Amino acid sequence: MKHIYNGWFGRTCWLAIFGLSFTFCQNKEIEEEEPPHIVFVTGDEEYRSEESMPMIAKIINRELGAKISMCYSLDSMGIIDPNNSKNISRLEALETADLMVMFTRFRALPDNQLKMITDYVESGKPVVGFRTSTHAFMYKEDSTKMHMNNEWPTKLFGQQWITHHGHFDDGANPMTSVTLIEGKKNPILNGVEPFDAYSWLYHVDGGKWKLYGDSDPFLVGKSLKSNHEMNDRLDEFALTNPVAWTKSYNYNGIKSRVFFTTLGHPYDFKNSSMRVLALNGIYWALGREDEIPITGVNSTIVGEYDPNNSGFGQKFKQGLKPISIP
């Protein structure tokens, strides 16, 4: 967000001609950059987004001075409960957001909360998405909302939930080798080196499936252990698949920027390249790609990041309260 100010700045020139002196003023245009307002919408019961996203938010706050709003799945006492699929707090912050960062899984939000998210997306403002946001919602009974299950994430993020290569060694060993797609040039790749991710590889492209619209992948993952390989189904679900891309979302002729990655295991974010990928993607979505250093956005963690491992049930940190940033 930019505001323009006009100011008068005096400048004196002393001229030796005829012993006269003159003072003149110059009108200058000054641009003042307002910090962006970034809203992080979290709510997944598997990958600890309630821990990874605040960590990323703190870094963005430090680097951009961004105003941060954190939205969480809460219980009736205001405690973070990722298993509560029917409530995400503070979504009204999206009314003034410059960017929405989304990491949710199979939510069934009430009408007013869902509308705040869809209104934001339809406004043409940018969106960043992580992993399970390919299946951000799950409405099983209301036919008026079933398009949110598959059609909506496909059009917004580029794909719906299809399958992955299997739950193996959760958190004990990396499951996906991540490399750059040869020949791809994108400022989001600045400072991103090949790394091994703990996320098992999602299938998003190949066989009968194809990434939607103008999705432009620039990172690829190779599954290091695959139940599809064990079942001789690699013709349908290849060992390699895109793991990060950019695209546009077109609503009534208004195009918005979208960055998405299928990575997002809580341990992935311990790796600096994963953090740089996320941060660079946020800069790009905001239209600030020219500000991304050649080495990538500074990904040094603010404070500590020691997340619980992924998993369902009660594996999240109990009694965790929402935090404000800063």
Foldseek 3Di string as FASTA:
>chain_A
DKDKDKDKDKDWDQDPVVRDTDIDIDIDIDIDDDAFEEEEWEAAQFFPCVFVVVQLVQLCCVQRVHFYHYKACADPVQFGDSVQQADIPDLVSLVRGQEYEYEAAAHDYDPVSVCSVVVSVLVLHEYEYEARCLQRHDDDPDPVCRCSRWVVSCLAVFGHADDFFDDDCFVNDFFKWKQWDPPDDDLLCQQAHIDTANDTGGAADAAPHHGDDPWDATMKIFTPHGVCVVVVNCNRGPRMDGFKTKDWHAHPNRTAIYIYGNGRRLVRLVDQNSSQSVNCRVCVRSVNSVPADSNGRDRPTDDDRDAFGTDHDPRHDPRHHDDGHD
